[in-house]
Structure formats: C-alpha cells, structure tokens
All heavy atoms as atom14 arrays in JSON, in Angstrom:
{
  "sequence": "NSLKPSDTAVYYCYSLHAARRGVFPQDYW",
  "atom14_mask": [
    [1, 1, 1, 1, 1, 1, 1, 1, 0, 0, 0, 0, 0, 0],
    [1, 1, 1, 1, 1, 1, 0, 0, 0, 0, 0, 0, 0, 0],
    [1, 1, 1, 1, 1, 1, 1, 1, 0, 0, 0, 0, 0, 0],
    [1, 1, 1, 1, 1, 1, 1, 1, 1, 0, 0, 0, 0, 0],
    [1, 1, 1, 1, 1, 1, 1, 0, 0, 0, 0, 0, 0, 0],
    [1, 1, 1, 1, 1, 1, 0, 0, 0, 0, 0, 0, 0, 0],
    [1, 1, 1, 1, 1, 1, 1, 1, 0, 0, 0, 0, 0, 0],
    [1, 1, 1, 1, 1, 1, 1, 0, 0, 0, 0, 0, 0, 0],
    [1, 1, 1, 1, 1, 0, 0, 0, 0, 0, 0, 0, 0, 0],
    [1, 1, 1, 1, 1, 1, 1, 0, 0, 0, 0, 0, 0, 0],
    [1, 1, 1, 1, 1, 1, 1, 1, 1, 1, 1, 1, 0, 0],
    [1, 1, 1, 1, 1, 1, 1, 1, 1, 1, 1, 1, 0, 0],
    [1, 1, 1, 1, 1, 1, 0, 0, 0, 0, 0, 0, 0, 0],
    [1, 1, 1, 1, 1, 1, 1, 1, 1, 1, 1, 1, 0, 0],
    [1, 1, 1, 1, 1, 1, 0, 0, 0, 0, 0, 0, 0, 0],
    [1, 1, 1, 1, 1, 1, 1, 1, 0, 0, 0, 0, 0, 0],
    [1, 1, 1, 1, 1, 1, 1, 1, 1, 1, 0, 0, 0, 0],
    [1, 1, 1, 1, 1, 0, 0, 0, 0, 0, 0, 0, 0, 0],
    [1, 1, 1, 1, 1, 0, 0, 0, 0, 0, 0, 0, 0, 0],
    [1, 1, 1, 1, 1, 1, 1, 1, 1, 1, 1, 0, 0, 0],
    [1, 1, 1, 1, 1, 1, 1, 1, 1, 1, 1, 0, 0, 0],
    [1, 1, 1, 1, 0, 0, 0, 0, 0, 0, 0, 0, 0, 0],
    [1, 1, 1, 1, 1, 1, 1, 0, 0, 0, 0, 0, 0, 0],
    [1, 1, 1, 1, 1, 1, 1, 1, 1, 1, 1, 0, 0, 0],
    [1, 1, 1, 1, 1, 1, 1, 0, 0, 0, 0, 0, 0, 0],
    [1, 1, 1, 1, 1, 1, 1, 1, 1, 0, 0, 0, 0, 0],
    [1, 1, 1, 1, 1, 1, 1, 1, 0, 0, 0, 0, 0, 0],
    [1, 1, 1, 1, 1, 1, 1, 1, 1, 1, 1, 1, 0, 0],
    [1, 1, 1, 1, 1, 1, 1, 1, 1, 1, 1, 1, 1, 1]
  ],
  "atom14_positions": [
    [[63.76, 87.97, -47.94], [64.61, 88.99, -48.54], [64.22, 90.37, -48.02], [63.13, 90.57, -47.5], [64.49, 88.97, -50.06], [65.0, 87.7, -50.69], [65.93, 87.07, -50.19], [64.41, 87.31, -51.81], [0.0, 0.0, 0.0], [0.0, 0.0, 0.0], [0.0, 0.0, 0.0], [0.0, 0.0, 0.0], [0.0, 0.0, 0.0], [0.0, 0.0, 0.0]],
    [[65.11, 91.31, -48.2], [64.86, 92.7, -47.81], [64.34, 92.79, -46.39], [63.35, 93.46, -46.1], [63.89, 93.36, -48.79], [64.39, 93.31, -50.1], [0.0, 0.0, 0.0], [0.0, 0.0, 0.0], [0.0, 0.0, 0.0], [0.0, 0.0, 0.0], [0.0, 0.0, 0.0], [0.0, 0.0, 0.0], [0.0, 0.0, 0.0], [0.0, 0.0, 0.0]],
    [[65.02, 92.11, -45.5], [64.54, 92.0, -44.13], [64.52, 93.33, -43.4], [65.39, 94.18, -43.6], [65.39, 90.99, -43.37], [65.06, 89.53, -43.71], [66.19, 88.61, -43.3], [63.76, 89.12, -43.01], [0.0, 0.0, 0.0], [0.0, 0.0, 0.0], [0.0, 0.0, 0.0], [0.0, 0.0, 0.0], [0.0, 0.0, 0.0], [0.0, 0.0, 0.0]],
    [[63.52, 93.48, -42.56], [63.31, 94.67, -41.75], [63.35, 94.29, -40.28], [63.06, 93.15, -39.92], [61.93, 95.27, -42.05], [61.66, 95.57, -43.5], [60.21, 96.01, -43.67], [59.88, 96.3, -45.11], [58.45, 96.7, -45.27], [0.0, 0.0, 0.0], [0.0, 0.0, 0.0], [0.0, 0.0, 0.0], [0.0, 0.0, 0.0], [0.0, 0.0, 0.0]],
    [[63.66, 95.23, -39.4], [63.6, 94.92, -37.97], [62.25, 94.37, -37.52], [62.21, 93.52, -36.62], [63.91, 96.27, -37.32], [64.8, 96.95, -38.3], [64.25, 96.56, -39.65], [0.0, 0.0, 0.0], [0.0, 0.0, 0.0], [0.0, 0.0, 0.0], [0.0, 0.0, 0.0], [0.0, 0.0, 0.0], [0.0, 0.0, 0.0], [0.0, 0.0, 0.0]],
    [[61.17, 94.79, -38.16], [59.85, 94.3, -37.8], [59.63, 92.83, -38.17], [58.63, 92.23, -37.76], [58.76, 95.16, -38.44], [58.88, 95.17, -39.85], [0.0, 0.0, 0.0], [0.0, 0.0, 0.0], [0.0, 0.0, 0.0], [0.0, 0.0, 0.0], [0.0, 0.0, 0.0], [0.0, 0.0, 0.0], [0.0, 0.0, 0.0], [0.0, 0.0, 0.0]],
    [[60.54, 92.25, -38.94], [60.49, 90.82, -39.24], [61.07, 89.97, -38.12], [61.0, 88.74, -38.18], [61.25, 90.51, -40.53], [60.63, 91.16, -41.75], [59.39, 91.16, -41.87], [61.4, 91.65, -42.61], [0.0, 0.0, 0.0], [0.0, 0.0, 0.0], [0.0, 0.0, 0.0], [0.0, 0.0, 0.0], [0.0, 0.0, 0.0], [0.0, 0.0, 0.0]],
    [[61.66, 90.59, -37.12], [62.23, 89.86, -36.0], [61.15, 89.05, -35.3], [60.13, 89.6, -34.86], [62.9, 90.82, -35.01], [64.01, 91.46, -35.66], [63.41, 90.08, -33.79], [0.0, 0.0, 0.0], [0.0, 0.0, 0.0], [0.0, 0.0, 0.0], [0.0, 0.0, 0.0], [0.0, 0.0, 0.0], [0.0, 0.0, 0.0], [0.0, 0.0, 0.0]],
    [[61.35, 87.75, -35.22], [60.34, 86.85, -34.67], [60.9, 85.44, -34.63], [61.92, 85.14, -35.24], [59.07, 86.87, -35.53], [0.0, 0.0, 0.0], [0.0, 0.0, 0.0], [0.0, 0.0, 0.0], [0.0, 0.0, 0.0], [0.0, 0.0, 0.0], [0.0, 0.0, 0.0], [0.0, 0.0, 0.0], [0.0, 0.0, 0.0], [0.0, 0.0, 0.0]],
    [[60.18, 84.59, -33.93], [60.39, 83.15, -34.06], [59.48, 82.67, -35.17], [58.27, 82.95, -35.15], [60.09, 82.4, -32.76], [60.3, 80.9, -32.94], [61.0, 82.91, -31.63], [0.0, 0.0, 0.0], [0.0, 0.0, 0.0], [0.0, 0.0, 0.0], [0.0, 0.0, 0.0], [0.0, 0.0, 0.0], [0.0, 0.0, 0.0], [0.0, 0.0, 0.0]],
    [[60.04, 81.97, -36.12], [59.3, 81.49, -37.28], [59.02, 80.0, -37.13], [59.91, 79.21, -36.8], [60.09, 81.74, -38.56], [60.06, 83.19, -38.98], [60.77, 84.16, -38.28], [59.31, 83.6, -40.08], [60.73, 85.49, -38.64], [59.27, 84.93, -40.46], [59.97, 85.87, -39.74], [59.93, 87.19, -40.12], [0.0, 0.0, 0.0], [0.0, 0.0, 0.0]],
    [[57.77, 79.62, -37.4], [57.32, 78.25, -37.27], [56.7, 77.76, -38.57], [55.95, 78.5, -39.21], [56.22, 78.14, -36.21], [56.59, 78.62, -34.83], [56.43, 79.95, -34.48], [57.07, 77.73, -33.88], [56.75, 80.39, -33.2], [57.39, 78.16, -32.6], [57.23, 79.49, -32.27], [57.54, 79.91, -31.0], [0.0, 0.0, 0.0], [0.0, 0.0, 0.0]],
    [[56.97, 76.52, -38.93], [56.17, 75.91, -39.98], [55.04, 75.12, -39.34], [55.1, 74.71, -38.18], [57.01, 75.04, -40.92], [57.78, 73.6, -40.17], [0.0, 0.0, 0.0], [0.0, 0.0, 0.0], [0.0, 0.0, 0.0], [0.0, 0.0, 0.0], [0.0, 0.0, 0.0], [0.0, 0.0, 0.0], [0.0, 0.0, 0.0], [0.0, 0.0, 0.0]],
    [[53.99, 74.93, -40.1], [52.76, 74.35, -39.58], [51.9, 73.95, -40.75], [52.15, 74.34, -41.89], [52.04, 75.41, -38.73], [50.88, 74.92, -37.91], [51.07, 74.08, -36.83], [49.58, 75.34, -38.2], [50.0, 73.65, -36.06], [48.51, 74.93, -37.44], [48.72, 74.09, -36.36], [47.66, 73.68, -35.6], [0.0, 0.0, 0.0], [0.0, 0.0, 0.0]],
    [[50.88, 73.15, -40.47], [49.86, 72.86, -41.47], [48.5, 72.98, -40.83], [48.03, 72.03, -40.18], [50.05, 71.47, -42.07], [49.01, 71.22, -43.02], [0.0, 0.0, 0.0], [0.0, 0.0, 0.0], [0.0, 0.0, 0.0], [0.0, 0.0, 0.0], [0.0, 0.0, 0.0], [0.0, 0.0, 0.0], [0.0, 0.0, 0.0], [0.0, 0.0, 0.0]],
    [[47.88, 74.13, -40.98], [46.51, 74.29, -40.5], [45.59, 73.32, -41.22], [44.65, 72.78, -40.62], [46.06, 75.73, -40.7], [44.69, 76.08, -40.14], [44.63, 75.83, -38.64], [44.35, 77.53, -40.45], [0.0, 0.0, 0.0], [0.0, 0.0, 0.0], [0.0, 0.0, 0.0], [0.0, 0.0, 0.0], [0.0, 0.0, 0.0], [0.0, 0.0, 0.0]],
    [[45.84, 73.11, -42.48], [45.08, 72.17, -43.29], [45.06, 70.79, -42.62], [43.99, 70.19, -42.42], [45.71, 72.11, -44.68], [45.03, 71.25, -45.67], [45.65, 70.87, -46.84], [43.8, 70.69, -45.7], [44.82, 70.11, -47.54], [43.69, 70.0, -46.87], [0.0, 0.0, 0.0], [0.0, 0.0, 0.0], [0.0, 0.0, 0.0], [0.0, 0.0, 0.0]],
    [[46.23, 70.27, -42.27], [46.3, 68.97, -41.64], [45.73, 68.97, -40.24], [45.03, 68.03, -39.83], [47.75, 68.48, -41.63], [0.0, 0.0, 0.0], [0.0, 0.0, 0.0], [0.0, 0.0, 0.0], [0.0, 0.0, 0.0], [0.0, 0.0, 0.0], [0.0, 0.0, 0.0], [0.0, 0.0, 0.0], [0.0, 0.0, 0.0], [0.0, 0.0, 0.0]],
    [[46.01, 70.02, -39.46], [45.53, 70.09, -38.09], [44.02, 70.04, -38.03], [43.43, 69.36, -37.18], [46.05, 71.36, -37.42], [0.0, 0.0, 0.0], [0.0, 0.0, 0.0], [0.0, 0.0, 0.0], [0.0, 0.0, 0.0], [0.0, 0.0, 0.0], [0.0, 0.0, 0.0], [0.0, 0.0, 0.0], [0.0, 0.0, 0.0], [0.0, 0.0, 0.0]],
    [[43.36, 70.77, -38.92], [41.91, 70.81, -38.93], [41.27, 69.5, -39.36], [40.08, 69.29, -39.13], [41.42, 71.97, -39.77], [41.65, 73.31, -39.08], [41.17, 74.48, -39.89], [41.17, 75.68, -39.06], [40.98, 76.91, -39.51], [40.77, 77.11, -40.8], [41.0, 77.93, -38.68], [0.0, 0.0, 0.0], [0.0, 0.0, 0.0], [0.0, 0.0, 0.0]],
    [[42.06, 68.64, -39.97], [41.61, 67.31, -40.35], [42.02, 66.25, -39.34], [41.88, 65.06, -39.6], [42.1, 66.98, -41.76], [41.3, 67.72, -42.82], [42.01, 67.82, -44.15], [41.16, 68.45, -45.15], [40.89, 69.75, -45.22], [41.39, 70.58, -44.33], [40.12, 70.24, -46.18], [0.0, 0.0, 0.0], [0.0, 0.0, 0.0], [0.0, 0.0, 0.0]],
    [[42.54, 66.68, -38.22], [42.84, 65.77, -37.12], [44.13, 64.99, -37.26], [44.33, 64.02, -36.53], [0.0, 0.0, 0.0], [0.0, 0.0, 0.0], [0.0, 0.0, 0.0], [0.0, 0.0, 0.0], [0.0, 0.0, 0.0], [0.0, 0.0, 0.0], [0.0, 0.0, 0.0], [0.0, 0.0, 0.0], [0.0, 0.0, 0.0], [0.0, 0.0, 0.0]],
    [[45.01, 65.4, -38.15], [46.28, 64.71, -38.32], [47.15, 64.84, -37.08], [47.9, 63.92, -36.73], [47.0, 65.21, -39.59], [48.38, 64.58, -39.72], [46.16, 64.92, -40.82], [0.0, 0.0, 0.0], [0.0, 0.0, 0.0], [0.0, 0.0, 0.0], [0.0, 0.0, 0.0], [0.0, 0.0, 0.0], [0.0, 0.0, 0.0], [0.0, 0.0, 0.0]],
    [[47.07, 65.99, -36.41], [47.76, 66.23, -35.16], [46.96, 67.26, -34.38], [46.13, 67.96, -34.95], [49.21, 66.7, -35.39], [49.36, 67.86, -36.33], [49.19, 69.16, -35.89], [49.66, 67.65, -37.67], [49.32, 70.23, -36.76], [49.79, 68.71, -38.55], [49.61, 70.0, -38.09], [0.0, 0.0, 0.0], [0.0, 0.0, 0.0], [0.0, 0.0, 0.0]],
    [[47.2, 67.37, -33.07], [46.46, 68.37, -32.29], [46.75, 69.78, -32.77], [47.9, 70.11, -33.1], [46.99, 68.15, -30.86], [47.5, 66.74, -30.85], [48.06, 66.52, -32.23], [0.0, 0.0, 0.0], [0.0, 0.0, 0.0], [0.0, 0.0, 0.0], [0.0, 0.0, 0.0], [0.0, 0.0, 0.0], [0.0, 0.0, 0.0], [0.0, 0.0, 0.0]],
    [[45.73, 70.63, -32.78], [45.89, 71.98, -33.29], [46.86, 72.82, -32.48], [47.37, 73.81, -32.99], [44.54, 72.68, -33.39], [43.68, 72.16, -34.52], [42.51, 73.07, -34.83], [42.46, 74.22, -34.39], [41.58, 72.56, -35.61], [0.0, 0.0, 0.0], [0.0, 0.0, 0.0], [0.0, 0.0, 0.0], [0.0, 0.0, 0.0], [0.0, 0.0, 0.0]],
    [[47.11, 72.45, -31.24], [48.04, 73.19, -30.41], [49.47, 72.68, -30.48], [50.32, 73.11, -29.71], [47.57, 73.24, -28.95], [47.49, 71.87, -28.3], [47.7, 70.85, -28.99], [47.21, 71.82, -27.09], [0.0, 0.0, 0.0], [0.0, 0.0, 0.0], [0.0, 0.0, 0.0], [0.0, 0.0, 0.0], [0.0, 0.0, 0.0], [0.0, 0.0, 0.0]],
    [[49.75, 71.78, -31.4], [51.11, 71.31, -31.56], [51.9, 72.24, -32.47], [51.49, 72.55, -33.59], [51.17, 69.89, -32.16], [52.59, 69.5, -32.45], [53.41, 69.05, -31.42], [53.13, 69.64, -33.72], [54.74, 68.76, -31.66], [54.46, 69.35, -33.97], [55.26, 68.91, -32.94], [56.57, 68.62, -33.17], [0.0, 0.0, 0.0], [0.0, 0.0, 0.0]],
    [[53.05, 72.67, -31.97], [53.99, 73.49, -32.73], [55.4, 72.98, -32.5], [55.71, 72.46, -31.43], [53.9, 74.96, -32.31], [52.56, 75.56, -32.59], [51.45, 75.49, -31.81], [52.2, 76.31, -33.76], [50.4, 76.15, -32.43], [50.84, 76.66, -33.61], [52.89, 76.71, -34.9], [50.17, 77.41, -34.58], [52.22, 77.45, -35.85], [50.87, 77.79, -35.69]]
  ]
}
C-alpha cells in the first residue's frame, strides 16, 4: 500500500529458513 517510486523492484518470495536447512540450494530464486 501507499506505494512510492522507490518501491520499484523485482519482488521475490523465498525461505531463508528452509534454505539454511538444506531444503534447496541457497542460490535458488
């Protein structure tokens, strides 16, 4: 909400929690 030009980006979901436990490679996006 209340978006600003500085919010312009590519947005990714991820799970650092899972990556650090070896569920998938940490460089996977």
